Amino acid sequence: MSKYEPLWNYLKENKKDDYILTYNEIKNILGFTIDHSFLTYKKEVKKYGYEVVKISLKEKTIIFKKI
């Protein structure tokens, strides 16, 4: 099980087409702050029907889109 699986399940269960989640929202879902390893794990989200469209370090958000 991936440490990011709770986030992937959140996306899948809420069934929205697009998400713009802040780092704080993601921390609330996961229970920990995302780190550099997210870049490696982000490819896993495709198994759940989403892709990472943009990671904004300035705005501290991640945009996910349904594929």
PDB file of N, CA and C in Angstrom:
ATOM      1  N   MET A   1       0.841  -1.187   0.000  1.00  0.00           N
ATOM      2  CA  MET A   1       0.000   0.000   0.000  1.00  0.00           C
ATOM      3  C   MET A   1       0.887   1.253   0.000  1.00  0.00           C
ATOM      4  N   SER A   2       0.577   2.161  -0.872  1.00  0.00           N
ATOM      5  CA  SER A   2       1.306   3.420  -0.972  1.00  0.00           C
ATOM      6  C   SER A   2       0.922   4.347   0.178  1.00  0.00           C
ATOM      7  N   LYS A   3       1.866   5.157   0.612  1.00  0.00           N
ATOM      8  CA  LYS A   3       1.553   6.110   1.676  1.00  0.00           C
ATOM      9  C   LYS A   3       0.578   7.182   1.191  1.00  0.00           C
ATOM     10  N   TYR A   4       0.429   7.316  -0.111  1.00  0.00           N
ATOM     11  CA  TYR A   4      -0.498   8.300  -0.678  1.00  0.00           C
ATOM     12  C   TYR A   4      -1.864   7.705  -1.033  1.00  0.00           C
ATOM     13  N   GLU A   5      -2.066   6.443  -0.759  1.00  0.00           N
ATOM     14  CA  GLU A   5      -3.332   5.802  -1.114  1.00  0.00           C
ATOM     15  C   GLU A   5      -4.561   6.485  -0.510  1.00  0.00           C
ATOM     16  N   PRO A   6      -4.517   6.983   0.720  1.00  0.00           N
ATOM     17  CA  PRO A   6      -5.693   7.711   1.230  1.00  0.00           C
ATOM     18  C   PRO A   6      -6.077   8.915   0.363  1.00  0.00           C
ATOM     19  N   LEU A   7      -5.085   9.588  -0.205  1.00  0.00           N
ATOM     20  CA  LEU A   7      -5.364  10.715  -1.101  1.00  0.00           C
ATOM     21  C   LEU A   7      -5.985  10.219  -2.395  1.00  0.00           C
ATOM     22  N   TRP A   8      -5.437   9.163  -2.956  1.00  0.00           N
ATOM     23  CA  TRP A   8      -5.998   8.615  -4.199  1.00  0.00           C
ATOM     24  C   TRP A   8      -7.439   8.159  -3.979  1.00  0.00           C
ATOM     25  N   ASN A   9      -7.697   7.504  -2.857  1.00  0.00           N
ATOM     26  CA  ASN A   9      -9.065   7.073  -2.554  1.00  0.00           C
ATOM     27  C   ASN A   9     -10.004   8.255  -2.368  1.00  0.00           C
ATOM     28  N   TYR A  10      -9.519   9.326  -1.756  1.00  0.00           N
ATOM     29  CA  TYR A  10     -10.318  10.543  -1.597  1.00  0.00           C
ATOM     30  C   TYR A  10     -10.765  11.060  -2.962  1.00  0.00           C
ATOM     31  N   LEU A  11      -9.847  11.129  -3.902  1.00  0.00           N
ATOM     32  CA  LEU A  11     -10.184  11.605  -5.243  1.00  0.00           C
ATOM     33  C   LEU A  11     -11.222  10.700  -5.891  1.00  0.00           C
ATOM     34  N   LYS A  12     -10.991   9.420  -5.809  1.00  0.00           N
ATOM     35  CA  LYS A  12     -11.871   8.431  -6.448  1.00  0.00           C
ATOM     36  C   LYS A  12     -13.268   8.442  -5.836  1.00  0.00           C
ATOM     37  N   GLU A  13     -13.348   8.513  -4.519  1.00  0.00           N
ATOM     38  CA  GLU A  13     -14.645   8.440  -3.835  1.00  0.00           C
ATOM     39  C   GLU A  13     -15.496   9.683  -4.032  1.00  0.00           C
ATOM     40  N   ASN A  14     -14.875  10.842  -4.173  1.00  0.00           N
ATOM     41  CA  ASN A  14     -15.634  12.075  -4.326  1.00  0.00           C
ATOM     42  C   ASN A  14     -16.049  12.344  -5.770  1.00  0.00           C
ATOM     43  N   LYS A  15     -15.450  11.645  -6.708  1.00  0.00           N
ATOM     44  CA  LYS A  15     -15.875  11.598  -8.112  1.00  0.00           C
ATOM     45  C   LYS A  15     -16.036  12.949  -8.801  1.00  0.00           C
ATOM     46  N   LYS A  16     -15.224  13.916  -8.454  1.00  0.00           N
ATOM     47  CA  LYS A  16     -15.249  15.188  -9.169  1.00  0.00           C
ATOM     48  C   LYS A  16     -14.350  15.080 -10.396  1.00  0.00           C
ATOM     49  N   ASP A  17     -14.612  15.927 -11.388  1.00  0.00           N
ATOM     50  CA  ASP A  17     -13.788  15.909 -12.599  1.00  0.00           C
ATOM     51  C   ASP A  17     -12.419  16.535 -12.361  1.00  0.00           C
ATOM     52  N   ASP A  18     -12.400  17.594 -11.561  1.00  0.00           N
ATOM     53  CA  ASP A  18     -11.160  18.303 -11.281  1.00  0.00           C
ATOM     54  C   ASP A  18     -11.077  18.639  -9.798  1.00  0.00           C
ATOM     55  N   TYR A  19      -9.878  18.658  -9.293  1.00  0.00           N
ATOM     56  CA  TYR A  19      -9.624  19.058  -7.908  1.00  0.00           C
ATOM     57  C   TYR A  19      -8.480  20.060  -7.898  1.00  0.00           C
ATOM     58  N   ILE A  20      -8.613  21.076  -7.070  1.00  0.00           N
ATOM     59  CA  ILE A  20      -7.496  21.946  -6.732  1.00  0.00           C
ATOM     60  C   ILE A  20      -7.378  21.850  -5.219  1.00  0.00           C
ATOM     61  N   LEU A  21      -6.395  21.097  -4.768  1.00  0.00           N
ATOM     62  CA  LEU A  21      -6.211  20.875  -3.342  1.00  0.00           C
ATOM     63  C   LEU A  21      -4.978  21.613  -2.854  1.00  0.00           C
ATOM     64  N   THR A  22      -5.124  22.271  -1.719  1.00  0.00           N
ATOM     65  CA  THR A  22      -3.969  22.933  -1.118  1.00  0.00           C
ATOM     66  C   THR A  22      -3.126  21.895  -0.391  1.00  0.00           C
ATOM     67  N   TYR A  23      -1.896  22.256  -0.120  1.00  0.00           N
ATOM     68  CA  TYR A  23      -1.031  21.358   0.648  1.00  0.00           C
ATOM     69  C   TYR A  23      -1.651  21.055   2.009  1.00  0.00           C
ATOM     70  N   ASN A  24      -2.321  22.052   2.628  1.00  0.00           N
ATOM     71  CA  ASN A  24      -2.963  21.828   3.932  1.00  0.00           C
ATOM     72  C   ASN A  24      -4.132  20.861   3.825  1.00  0.00           C
ATOM     73  N   GLU A  25      -4.930  20.956   2.763  1.00  0.00           N
ATOM     74  CA  GLU A  25      -6.034  20.016   2.563  1.00  0.00           C
ATOM     75  C   GLU A  25      -5.491  18.598   2.394  1.00  0.00           C
ATOM     76  N   ILE A  26      -4.409  18.484   1.644  1.00  0.00           N
ATOM     77  CA  ILE A  26      -3.793  17.171   1.438  1.00  0.00           C
ATOM     78  C   ILE A  26      -3.243  16.634   2.757  1.00  0.00           C
ATOM     79  N   LYS A  27      -2.661  17.505   3.559  1.00  0.00           N
ATOM     80  CA  LYS A  27      -2.160  17.093   4.869  1.00  0.00           C
ATOM     81  C   LYS A  27      -3.299  16.568   5.737  1.00  0.00           C
ATOM     82  N   ASN A  28      -4.468  17.212   5.685  1.00  0.00           N
ATOM     83  CA  ASN A  28      -5.628  16.751   6.455  1.00  0.00           C
ATOM     84  C   ASN A  28      -6.116  15.384   5.988  1.00  0.00           C
ATOM     85  N   ILE A  29      -6.043  15.135   4.697  1.00  0.00           N
ATOM     86  CA  ILE A  29      -6.472  13.839   4.139  1.00  0.00           C
ATOM     87  C   ILE A  29      -5.481  12.740   4.516  1.00  0.00           C
ATOM     88  N   LEU A  30      -4.195  13.039   4.391  1.00  0.00           N
ATOM     89  CA  LEU A  30      -3.151  12.033   4.592  1.00  0.00           C
ATOM     90  C   LEU A  30      -2.721  11.874   6.048  1.00  0.00           C
ATOM     91  N   GLY A  31      -2.765  12.972   6.792  1.00  0.00           N
ATOM     92  CA  GLY A  31      -2.250  12.939   8.155  1.00  0.00           C
ATOM     93  C   GLY A  31      -0.781  13.300   8.242  1.00  0.00           C
ATOM     94  N   PHE A  32      -0.191  13.685   7.116  1.00  0.00           N
ATOM     95  CA  PHE A  32       1.202  14.133   7.093  1.00  0.00           C
ATOM     96  C   PHE A  32       1.384  15.106   5.935  1.00  0.00           C
ATOM     97  N   THR A  33       2.432  15.891   6.015  1.00  0.00           N
ATOM     98  CA  THR A  33       2.756  16.866   4.974  1.00  0.00           C
ATOM     99  C   THR A  33       3.423  16.165   3.798  1.00  0.00           C
ATOM    100  N   ILE A  34       2.996  16.504   2.583  1.00  0.00           N
ATOM    101  CA  ILE A  34       3.641  15.904   1.411  1.00  0.00           C
ATOM    102  C   ILE A  34       5.078  16.392   1.326  1.00  0.00           C
ATOM    103  N   ASP A  35       5.906  15.553   0.741  1.00  0.00           N
ATOM    104  CA  ASP A  35       7.308  15.893   0.589  1.00  0.00           C
ATOM    105  C   ASP A  35       7.745  15.624  -0.848  1.00  0.00           C
ATOM    106  N   HIS A  36       9.020  15.694  -1.078  1.00  0.00           N
ATOM    107  CA  HIS A  36       9.566  15.519  -2.430  1.00  0.00           C
ATOM    108  C   HIS A  36       9.208  14.153  -3.025  1.00  0.00           C
ATOM    109  N   SER A  37       8.979  13.154  -2.187  1.00  0.00           N
ATOM    110  CA  SER A  37       8.635  11.818  -2.694  1.00  0.00           C
ATOM    111  C   SER A  37       7.318  11.817  -3.465  1.00  0.00           C
ATOM    112  N   PHE A  38       6.494  12.835  -3.275  1.00  0.00           N
ATOM    113  CA  PHE A  38       5.236  12.911  -4.010  1.00  0.00           C
ATOM    114  C   PHE A  38       5.487  12.864  -5.518  1.00  0.00           C
ATOM    115  N   LEU A  39       6.578  13.430  -5.957  1.00  0.00           N
ATOM    116  CA  LEU A  39       6.897  13.432  -7.382  1.00  0.00           C
ATOM    117  C   LEU A  39       7.054  12.018  -7.933  1.00  0.00           C
ATOM    118  N   THR A  40       7.541  11.110  -7.108  1.00  0.00           N
ATOM    119  CA  THR A  40       7.671   9.713  -7.508  1.00  0.00           C
ATOM    120  C   THR A  40       6.322   9.007  -7.468  1.00  0.00           C
ATOM    121  N   TYR A  41       5.553   9.270  -6.428  1.00  0.00           N
ATOM    122  CA  TYR A  41       4.292   8.567  -6.223  1.00  0.00           C
ATOM    123  C   TYR A  41       3.137   9.087  -7.071  1.00  0.00           C
ATOM    124  N   LYS A  42       3.255  10.289  -7.617  1.00  0.00           N
ATOM    125  CA  LYS A  42       2.125  10.895  -8.327  1.00  0.00           C
ATOM    126  C   LYS A  42       1.638  10.062  -9.506  1.00  0.00           C
ATOM    127  N   LYS A  43       2.500   9.236 -10.077  1.00  0.00           N
ATOM    128  CA  LYS A  43       2.078   8.397 -11.208  1.00  0.00           C
ATOM    129  C   LYS A  43       1.055   7.337 -10.790  1.00  0.00           C
ATOM    130  N   GLU A  44       1.009   7.013  -9.495  1.00  0.00           N
ATOM    131  CA  GLU A  44       0.057   6.012  -8.999  1.00  0.00           C
ATOM    132  C   GLU A  44      -1.393   6.447  -9.157  1.00  0.00           C
ATOM    133  N   VAL A  45      -1.645   7.740  -9.162  1.00  0.00           N
ATOM    134  CA  VAL A  45      -3.018   8.244  -9.201  1.00  0.00           C
ATOM    135  C   VAL A  45      -3.738   7.845 -10.490  1.00  0.00           C
ATOM    136  N   LYS A  46      -2.992   7.522 -11.537  1.00  0.00           N
ATOM    137  CA  LYS A  46      -3.620   7.108 -12.798  1.00  0.00           C
ATOM    138  C   LYS A  46      -4.438   5.828 -12.630  1.00  0.00           C
ATOM    139  N   LYS A  47      -4.020   4.963 -11.703  1.00  0.00           N
ATOM    140  CA  LYS A  47      -4.783   3.739 -11.428  1.00  0.00           C
ATOM    141  C   LYS A  47      -6.163   4.055 -10.859  1.00  0.00           C
ATOM    142  N   TYR A  48      -6.316   5.255 -10.345  1.00  0.00           N
ATOM    143  CA  TYR A  48      -7.570   5.676  -9.720  1.00  0.00           C
ATOM    144  C   TYR A  48      -8.369   6.613 -10.625  1.00  0.00           C
ATOM    145  N   GLY A  49      -7.886   6.793 -11.850  1.00  0.00           N
ATOM    146  CA  GLY A  49      -8.621   7.569 -12.839  1.00  0.00           C
ATOM    147  C   GLY A  49      -8.316   9.049 -12.883  1.00  0.00           C
ATOM    148  N   TYR A  50      -7.201   9.458 -12.289  1.00  0.00           N
ATOM    149  CA  TYR A  50      -6.823  10.873 -12.265  1.00  0.00           C
ATOM    150  C   TYR A  50      -5.375  11.046 -12.684  1.00  0.00           C
ATOM    151  N   GLU A  51      -5.024  12.294 -12.991  1.00  0.00           N
ATOM    152  CA  GLU A  51      -3.640  12.639 -13.255  1.00  0.00           C
ATOM    153  C   GLU A  51      -3.321  13.956 -12.570  1.00  0.00           C
ATOM    154  N   VAL A  52      -2.063  14.152 -12.261  1.00  0.00           N
ATOM    155  CA  VAL A  52      -1.607  15.417 -11.695  1.00  0.00           C
ATOM    156  C   VAL A  52      -1.344  16.357 -12.861  1.00  0.00           C
ATOM    157  N   VAL A  53      -2.076  17.454 -12.892  1.00  0.00           N
ATOM    158  CA  VAL A  53      -1.948  18.414 -13.984  1.00  0.00           C
ATOM    159  C   VAL A  53      -0.904  19.471 -13.652  1.00  0.00           C
ATOM    160  N   LYS A  54      -0.902  19.946 -12.410  1.00  0.00           N
ATOM    161  CA  LYS A  54       0.028  21.008 -12.041  1.00  0.00           C
ATOM    162  C   LYS A  54       0.319  20.966 -10.548  1.00  0.00           C
ATOM    163  N   ILE A  55       1.567  21.173 -10.218  1.00  0.00           N
ATOM    164  CA  ILE A  55       1.995  21.340  -8.836  1.00  0.00           C
ATOM    165  C   ILE A  55       2.526  22.759  -8.723  1.00  0.00           C
ATOM    166  N   SER A  56       1.875  23.576  -7.907  1.00  0.00           N
ATOM    167  CA  SER A  56       2.303  24.963  -7.748  1.00  0.00           C
ATOM    168  C   SER A  56       2.971  25.133  -6.393  1.00  0.00           C
ATOM    169  N   LEU A  57       4.270  25.342  -6.409  1.00  0.00           N
ATOM    170  CA  LEU A  57       4.995  25.593  -5.170  1.00  0.00           C
ATOM    171  C   LEU A  57       4.661  26.967  -4.616  1.00  0.00           C
ATOM    172  N   LYS A  58       4.420  27.917  -5.508  1.00  0.00           N
ATOM    173  CA  LYS A  58       4.102  29.282  -5.090  1.00  0.00           C
ATOM    174  C   LYS A  58       2.739  29.343  -4.393  1.00  0.00           C
ATOM    175  N   GLU A  59       1.722  28.745  -5.013  1.00  0.00           N
ATOM    176  CA  GLU A  59       0.371  28.773  -4.453  1.00  0.00           C
ATOM    177  C   GLU A  59       0.116  27.644  -3.461  1.00  0.00           C
ATOM    178  N   LYS A  60       1.048  26.699  -3.400  1.00  0.00           N
ATOM    179  CA  LYS A  60       0.937  25.523  -2.523  1.00  0.00           C
ATOM    180  C   LYS A  60      -0.346  24.746  -2.810  1.00  0.00           C
ATOM    181  N   THR A  61      -0.528  24.446  -4.101  1.00  0.00           N
ATOM    182  CA  THR A  61      -1.684  23.668  -4.537  1.00  0.00           C
ATOM    183  C   THR A  61      -1.249  22.592  -5.531  1.00  0.00           C
ATOM    184  N   ILE A  62      -2.105  21.585  -5.637  1.00  0.00           N
ATOM    185  CA  ILE A  62      -1.919  20.544  -6.655  1.00  0.00           C
ATOM    186  C   ILE A  62      -3.254  20.396  -7.379  1.00  0.00           C
ATOM    187  N   ILE A  63      -3.187  20.395  -8.705  1.00  0.00           N
ATOM    188  CA  ILE A  63      -4.388  20.242  -9.517  1.00  0.00           C
ATOM    189  C   ILE A  63      -4.417  18.817 -10.063  1.00  0.00           C
ATOM    190  N   PHE A  64      -5.548  18.149  -9.821  1.00  0.00           N
ATOM    191  CA  PHE A  64      -5.782  16.800 -10.326  1.00  0.00           C
ATOM    192  C   PHE A  64      -6.930  16.870 -11.326  1.00  0.00           C
ATOM    193  N   LYS A  65      -6.861  16.066 -12.378  1.00  0.00           N
ATOM    194  CA  LYS A  65      -7.916  16.027 -13.391  1.00  0.00           C
ATOM    195  C   LYS A  65      -8.268  14.580 -13.674  1.00  0.00           C
ATOM    196  N   LYS A  66      -9.568  14.358 -13.841  1.00  0.00           N
ATOM    197  CA  LYS A  66     -10.045  13.022 -14.181  1.00  0.00           C
ATOM    198  C   LYS A  66      -9.633  12.695 -15.609  1.00  0.00           C
ATOM    199  N   ILE A  67      -9.159  11.436 -15.816  1.00  0.00           N
ATOM    200  CA  ILE A  67      -8.755  11.025 -17.164  1.00  0.00           C
ATOM    201  C   ILE A  67      -9.723  10.005 -17.739  1.00  0.00           C
TER     202      ILE A  67
END
